[in-house]
Amino acid sequence: MAKFSMFAVMIAKPEYRDKISEIMRSPEGVAVGKNANGNLHFDICQDSENPNIFRACELWNTKEDWEKFMQLRDESGGLVAVHGIDFAWLAEPPAFYPGVSLGVM
């Protein structure tokens, strides 16, 4: 059975870039995705040419597993999937690119 992949792109406002990078580099930033039910791979990258651009690369057993992860809330009611990042810190809404994996890592 093919696995579900998701790529996401976030473009930070320059004044929030370092704050977002700090959150993403923290153990909680990546661990929340890696530890999610159905996750096979989770990585976050910062563009080497434009450090305001962040990309998430995810591989899930199923699209349903990813959708459940995207709905998880923490004890304060915040979405777990955004790792504490305020969307007001972004230059534009995040872009999501779903796909079907052609091979498993």
N, C-alpha and C. Protein backbone atom coordinates (compact mmCIF):
# COMPACT_ATOMS: atom_id res chain seq x y z
N MET A 1 0.84 -1.18 0.00
CA MET A 1 0.00 0.00 0.00
C MET A 1 0.89 1.25 0.00
N ALA A 2 0.56 2.22 -0.83
CA ALA A 2 1.33 3.45 -0.94
C ALA A 2 1.18 4.27 0.34
N LYS A 3 2.23 4.94 0.71
CA LYS A 3 2.24 5.79 1.90
C LYS A 3 1.87 7.22 1.48
N PHE A 4 1.34 7.97 2.43
CA PHE A 4 0.93 9.36 2.19
C PHE A 4 2.09 10.29 2.55
N SER A 5 2.42 11.20 1.65
CA SER A 5 3.46 12.18 1.93
C SER A 5 2.86 13.58 1.97
N MET A 6 3.49 14.43 2.77
CA MET A 6 3.04 15.82 2.85
C MET A 6 4.27 16.70 2.94
N PHE A 7 4.30 17.70 2.08
CA PHE A 7 5.32 18.73 2.14
C PHE A 7 4.60 20.03 2.46
N ALA A 8 5.16 20.78 3.38
CA ALA A 8 4.56 22.06 3.75
C ALA A 8 5.64 23.13 3.68
N VAL A 9 5.23 24.32 3.27
CA VAL A 9 6.16 25.44 3.16
C VAL A 9 5.59 26.60 3.97
N MET A 10 6.43 27.16 4.83
CA MET A 10 6.07 28.34 5.60
C MET A 10 7.11 29.42 5.30
N ILE A 11 6.63 30.63 5.07
CA ILE A 11 7.53 31.76 4.84
C ILE A 11 7.35 32.73 6.01
N ALA A 12 8.42 32.86 6.78
CA ALA A 12 8.39 33.71 7.97
C ALA A 12 8.54 35.18 7.61
N LYS A 13 7.90 36.02 8.38
CA LYS A 13 8.22 37.44 8.32
C LYS A 13 9.64 37.56 8.88
N PRO A 14 10.48 38.37 8.29
CA PRO A 14 11.89 38.43 8.72
C PRO A 14 12.08 38.62 10.22
N GLU A 15 11.24 39.42 10.84
CA GLU A 15 11.40 39.69 12.28
C GLU A 15 11.05 38.48 13.16
N TYR A 16 10.42 37.45 12.59
CA TYR A 16 10.06 36.25 13.36
C TYR A 16 10.86 35.02 12.94
N ARG A 17 11.71 35.16 11.94
CA ARG A 17 12.49 34.03 11.41
C ARG A 17 13.27 33.31 12.52
N ASP A 18 14.00 34.05 13.33
CA ASP A 18 14.83 33.42 14.36
C ASP A 18 13.97 32.71 15.41
N LYS A 19 12.84 33.30 15.75
CA LYS A 19 11.94 32.68 16.73
C LYS A 19 11.39 31.36 16.18
N ILE A 20 10.96 31.36 14.92
CA ILE A 20 10.45 30.13 14.30
C ILE A 20 11.57 29.09 14.21
N SER A 21 12.76 29.52 13.81
CA SER A 21 13.88 28.59 13.72
C SER A 21 14.18 27.96 15.08
N GLU A 22 14.14 28.75 16.14
CA GLU A 22 14.38 28.24 17.48
C GLU A 22 13.34 27.18 17.86
N ILE A 23 12.08 27.45 17.57
CA ILE A 23 11.01 26.49 17.87
C ILE A 23 11.22 25.21 17.07
N MET A 24 11.52 25.35 15.78
CA MET A 24 11.70 24.18 14.93
C MET A 24 12.93 23.36 15.34
N ARG A 25 13.98 24.00 15.83
CA ARG A 25 15.19 23.30 16.25
C ARG A 25 15.05 22.63 17.61
N SER A 26 14.06 23.05 18.38
CA SER A 26 13.88 22.48 19.72
C SER A 26 13.45 21.02 19.60
N PRO A 27 13.74 20.23 20.63
CA PRO A 27 13.32 18.82 20.59
C PRO A 27 11.81 18.66 20.36
N GLU A 28 11.02 19.57 20.91
CA GLU A 28 9.57 19.48 20.73
C GLU A 28 9.15 19.79 19.30
N GLY A 29 9.92 20.62 18.61
CA GLY A 29 9.56 21.04 17.26
C GLY A 29 9.42 19.90 16.27
N VAL A 30 10.34 18.97 16.32
CA VAL A 30 10.30 17.83 15.40
C VAL A 30 9.70 16.60 16.08
N ALA A 31 9.93 16.47 17.38
CA ALA A 31 9.47 15.28 18.10
C ALA A 31 7.95 15.13 18.05
N VAL A 32 7.23 16.25 18.06
CA VAL A 32 5.77 16.17 18.06
C VAL A 32 5.27 15.45 16.81
N GLY A 33 5.92 15.67 15.68
CA GLY A 33 5.54 14.97 14.46
C GLY A 33 6.07 13.55 14.42
N LYS A 34 7.34 13.39 14.80
CA LYS A 34 7.94 12.05 14.77
C LYS A 34 7.22 11.06 15.67
N ASN A 35 6.68 11.57 16.78
CA ASN A 35 6.01 10.70 17.74
C ASN A 35 4.53 10.50 17.46
N ALA A 36 4.02 11.15 16.45
CA ALA A 36 2.59 11.04 16.14
C ALA A 36 2.25 9.66 15.59
N ASN A 37 1.07 9.21 15.92
CA ASN A 37 0.60 7.91 15.45
C ASN A 37 0.56 7.88 13.92
N GLY A 38 1.21 6.90 13.33
CA GLY A 38 1.19 6.74 11.88
C GLY A 38 2.30 7.46 11.15
N ASN A 39 3.14 8.22 11.86
CA ASN A 39 4.23 8.94 11.20
C ASN A 39 5.41 8.02 10.96
N LEU A 40 5.97 8.08 9.75
CA LEU A 40 7.14 7.28 9.38
C LEU A 40 8.39 8.14 9.24
N HIS A 41 8.22 9.40 8.89
CA HIS A 41 9.36 10.32 8.73
C HIS A 41 8.85 11.74 8.91
N PHE A 42 9.64 12.55 9.62
CA PHE A 42 9.27 13.94 9.85
C PHE A 42 10.54 14.76 9.95
N ASP A 43 10.69 15.74 9.09
CA ASP A 43 11.87 16.59 9.11
C ASP A 43 11.46 18.01 8.75
N ILE A 44 12.17 18.97 9.32
CA ILE A 44 11.93 20.37 9.03
C ILE A 44 13.25 20.98 8.57
N CYS A 45 13.22 21.70 7.46
CA CYS A 45 14.43 22.30 6.90
C CYS A 45 14.24 23.80 6.75
N GLN A 46 15.35 24.52 6.88
CA GLN A 46 15.36 25.96 6.63
C GLN A 46 16.15 26.17 5.34
N ASP A 47 15.59 26.92 4.42
CA ASP A 47 16.21 27.14 3.12
C ASP A 47 17.60 27.78 3.29
N SER A 48 18.57 27.29 2.55
CA SER A 48 19.94 27.81 2.67
C SER A 48 20.14 29.13 1.93
N GLU A 49 19.27 29.44 0.98
CA GLU A 49 19.40 30.70 0.23
C GLU A 49 18.47 31.79 0.76
N ASN A 50 17.30 31.40 1.25
CA ASN A 50 16.36 32.35 1.84
C ASN A 50 15.95 31.79 3.20
N PRO A 51 16.61 32.22 4.29
CA PRO A 51 16.34 31.64 5.60
C PRO A 51 14.96 31.95 6.16
N ASN A 52 14.15 32.73 5.44
CA ASN A 52 12.77 32.95 5.87
C ASN A 52 11.86 31.80 5.47
N ILE A 53 12.36 30.89 4.64
CA ILE A 53 11.54 29.77 4.15
C ILE A 53 11.85 28.51 4.94
N PHE A 54 10.80 27.89 5.45
CA PHE A 54 10.89 26.63 6.18
C PHE A 54 10.06 25.58 5.44
N ARG A 55 10.58 24.37 5.38
CA ARG A 55 9.87 23.27 4.71
C ARG A 55 9.77 22.08 5.64
N ALA A 56 8.59 21.48 5.67
CA ALA A 56 8.39 20.23 6.41
C ALA A 56 8.24 19.11 5.39
N CYS A 57 8.90 18.01 5.67
CA CYS A 57 8.83 16.82 4.83
C CYS A 57 8.32 15.69 5.72
N GLU A 58 7.16 15.15 5.37
CA GLU A 58 6.52 14.15 6.23
C GLU A 58 6.10 12.94 5.42
N LEU A 59 6.20 11.78 6.04
CA LEU A 59 5.72 10.54 5.44
C LEU A 59 4.85 9.83 6.48
N TRP A 60 3.65 9.47 6.07
CA TRP A 60 2.65 8.88 6.97
C TRP A 60 2.17 7.55 6.40
N ASN A 61 1.70 6.68 7.28
CA ASN A 61 1.09 5.43 6.82
C ASN A 61 -0.11 5.71 5.93
N THR A 62 -0.96 6.64 6.38
CA THR A 62 -2.18 6.97 5.62
C THR A 62 -2.47 8.47 5.71
N LYS A 63 -3.27 8.93 4.79
CA LYS A 63 -3.72 10.33 4.82
C LYS A 63 -4.53 10.58 6.09
N GLU A 64 -5.28 9.58 6.52
CA GLU A 64 -6.09 9.70 7.73
C GLU A 64 -5.22 9.93 8.96
N ASP A 65 -4.06 9.26 9.03
CA ASP A 65 -3.13 9.49 10.15
C ASP A 65 -2.68 10.94 10.17
N TRP A 66 -2.34 11.49 9.00
CA TRP A 66 -1.92 12.89 8.91
C TRP A 66 -3.06 13.82 9.33
N GLU A 67 -4.26 13.54 8.85
CA GLU A 67 -5.41 14.39 9.17
C GLU A 67 -5.69 14.39 10.67
N LYS A 68 -5.56 13.24 11.32
CA LYS A 68 -5.75 13.18 12.78
C LYS A 68 -4.68 14.01 13.49
N PHE A 69 -3.44 13.92 13.03
CA PHE A 69 -2.36 14.70 13.61
C PHE A 69 -2.66 16.20 13.49
N MET A 70 -3.17 16.61 12.35
CA MET A 70 -3.45 18.03 12.11
C MET A 70 -4.59 18.55 13.00
N GLN A 71 -5.35 17.67 13.63
CA GLN A 71 -6.45 18.09 14.50
C GLN A 71 -6.10 18.02 15.99
N LEU A 72 -4.95 17.41 16.34
CA LEU A 72 -4.57 17.25 17.74
C LEU A 72 -4.38 18.60 18.41
N ARG A 73 -4.87 18.71 19.62
CA ARG A 73 -4.73 19.95 20.40
C ARG A 73 -3.98 19.66 21.69
N ASP A 74 -3.20 20.63 22.14
CA ASP A 74 -2.49 20.47 23.41
C ASP A 74 -3.41 20.85 24.56
N GLU A 75 -2.87 20.80 25.78
CA GLU A 75 -3.70 21.07 26.97
C GLU A 75 -4.27 22.48 27.00
N SER A 76 -3.63 23.42 26.30
CA SER A 76 -4.15 24.78 26.26
C SER A 76 -5.14 24.99 25.11
N GLY A 77 -5.34 23.96 24.29
CA GLY A 77 -6.26 24.06 23.16
C GLY A 77 -5.60 24.43 21.86
N GLY A 78 -4.27 24.65 21.88
CA GLY A 78 -3.55 25.00 20.66
C GLY A 78 -3.31 23.79 19.78
N LEU A 79 -3.24 24.01 18.49
CA LEU A 79 -2.97 22.92 17.56
C LEU A 79 -1.55 22.40 17.75
N VAL A 80 -1.41 21.11 17.98
CA VAL A 80 -0.11 20.48 18.19
C VAL A 80 0.75 20.60 16.93
N ALA A 81 0.15 20.47 15.77
CA ALA A 81 0.90 20.41 14.51
C ALA A 81 1.66 21.69 14.19
N VAL A 82 1.28 22.82 14.76
CA VAL A 82 1.98 24.06 14.44
C VAL A 82 3.13 24.35 15.39
N HIS A 83 3.35 23.47 16.37
CA HIS A 83 4.52 23.55 17.26
C HIS A 83 4.61 24.87 18.03
N GLY A 84 3.50 25.55 18.24
CA GLY A 84 3.54 26.82 18.97
C GLY A 84 3.83 28.02 18.11
N ILE A 85 3.85 27.84 16.81
CA ILE A 85 4.11 28.96 15.90
C ILE A 85 2.80 29.70 15.64
N ASP A 86 2.85 31.00 15.81
CA ASP A 86 1.69 31.85 15.55
C ASP A 86 1.68 32.18 14.06
N PHE A 87 0.58 31.91 13.39
CA PHE A 87 0.51 32.17 11.95
C PHE A 87 0.67 33.65 11.62
N ALA A 88 0.49 34.54 12.59
CA ALA A 88 0.72 35.97 12.36
C ALA A 88 2.20 36.24 12.11
N TRP A 89 3.07 35.29 12.46
CA TRP A 89 4.50 35.43 12.23
C TRP A 89 4.88 35.11 10.79
N LEU A 90 3.92 34.63 10.01
CA LEU A 90 4.19 34.22 8.63
C LEU A 90 3.82 35.31 7.64
N ALA A 91 4.58 35.38 6.56
CA ALA A 91 4.31 36.37 5.51
C ALA A 91 3.07 36.01 4.70
N GLU A 92 2.71 34.73 4.70
CA GLU A 92 1.52 34.24 3.99
C GLU A 92 1.11 32.93 4.63
N PRO A 93 -0.12 32.47 4.37
CA PRO A 93 -0.54 31.20 4.95
C PRO A 93 0.38 30.05 4.50
N PRO A 94 0.56 29.03 5.34
CA PRO A 94 1.37 27.88 4.93
C PRO A 94 0.78 27.22 3.68
N ALA A 95 1.64 26.67 2.86
CA ALA A 95 1.20 25.94 1.66
C ALA A 95 1.46 24.46 1.91
N PHE A 96 0.49 23.63 1.54
CA PHE A 96 0.59 22.18 1.74
C PHE A 96 0.57 21.47 0.39
N TYR A 97 1.45 20.48 0.23
CA TYR A 97 1.58 19.73 -1.01
C TYR A 97 1.49 18.24 -0.70
N PRO A 98 0.28 17.65 -0.78
CA PRO A 98 0.13 16.23 -0.49
C PRO A 98 0.57 15.37 -1.68
N GLY A 99 0.92 14.14 -1.38
CA GLY A 99 1.31 13.22 -2.44
C GLY A 99 1.26 11.77 -1.99
N VAL A 100 1.63 10.92 -2.89
CA VAL A 100 1.73 9.49 -2.62
C VAL A 100 3.19 9.11 -2.78
N SER A 101 3.74 8.50 -1.76
CA SER A 101 5.14 8.14 -1.79
C SER A 101 5.37 7.04 -2.83
N LEU A 102 6.42 7.20 -3.60
CA LEU A 102 6.80 6.18 -4.60
C LEU A 102 7.80 5.18 -4.03
N GLY A 103 8.24 5.40 -2.82
CA GLY A 103 9.16 4.48 -2.14
C GLY A 103 9.27 4.87 -0.69
N VAL A 104 9.57 3.93 0.16
CA VAL A 104 9.68 4.20 1.59
C VAL A 104 11.13 4.43 1.93
N MET A 105 11.39 5.48 2.74
CA MET A 105 12.75 5.80 3.17
C MET A 105 13.30 4.74 4.10
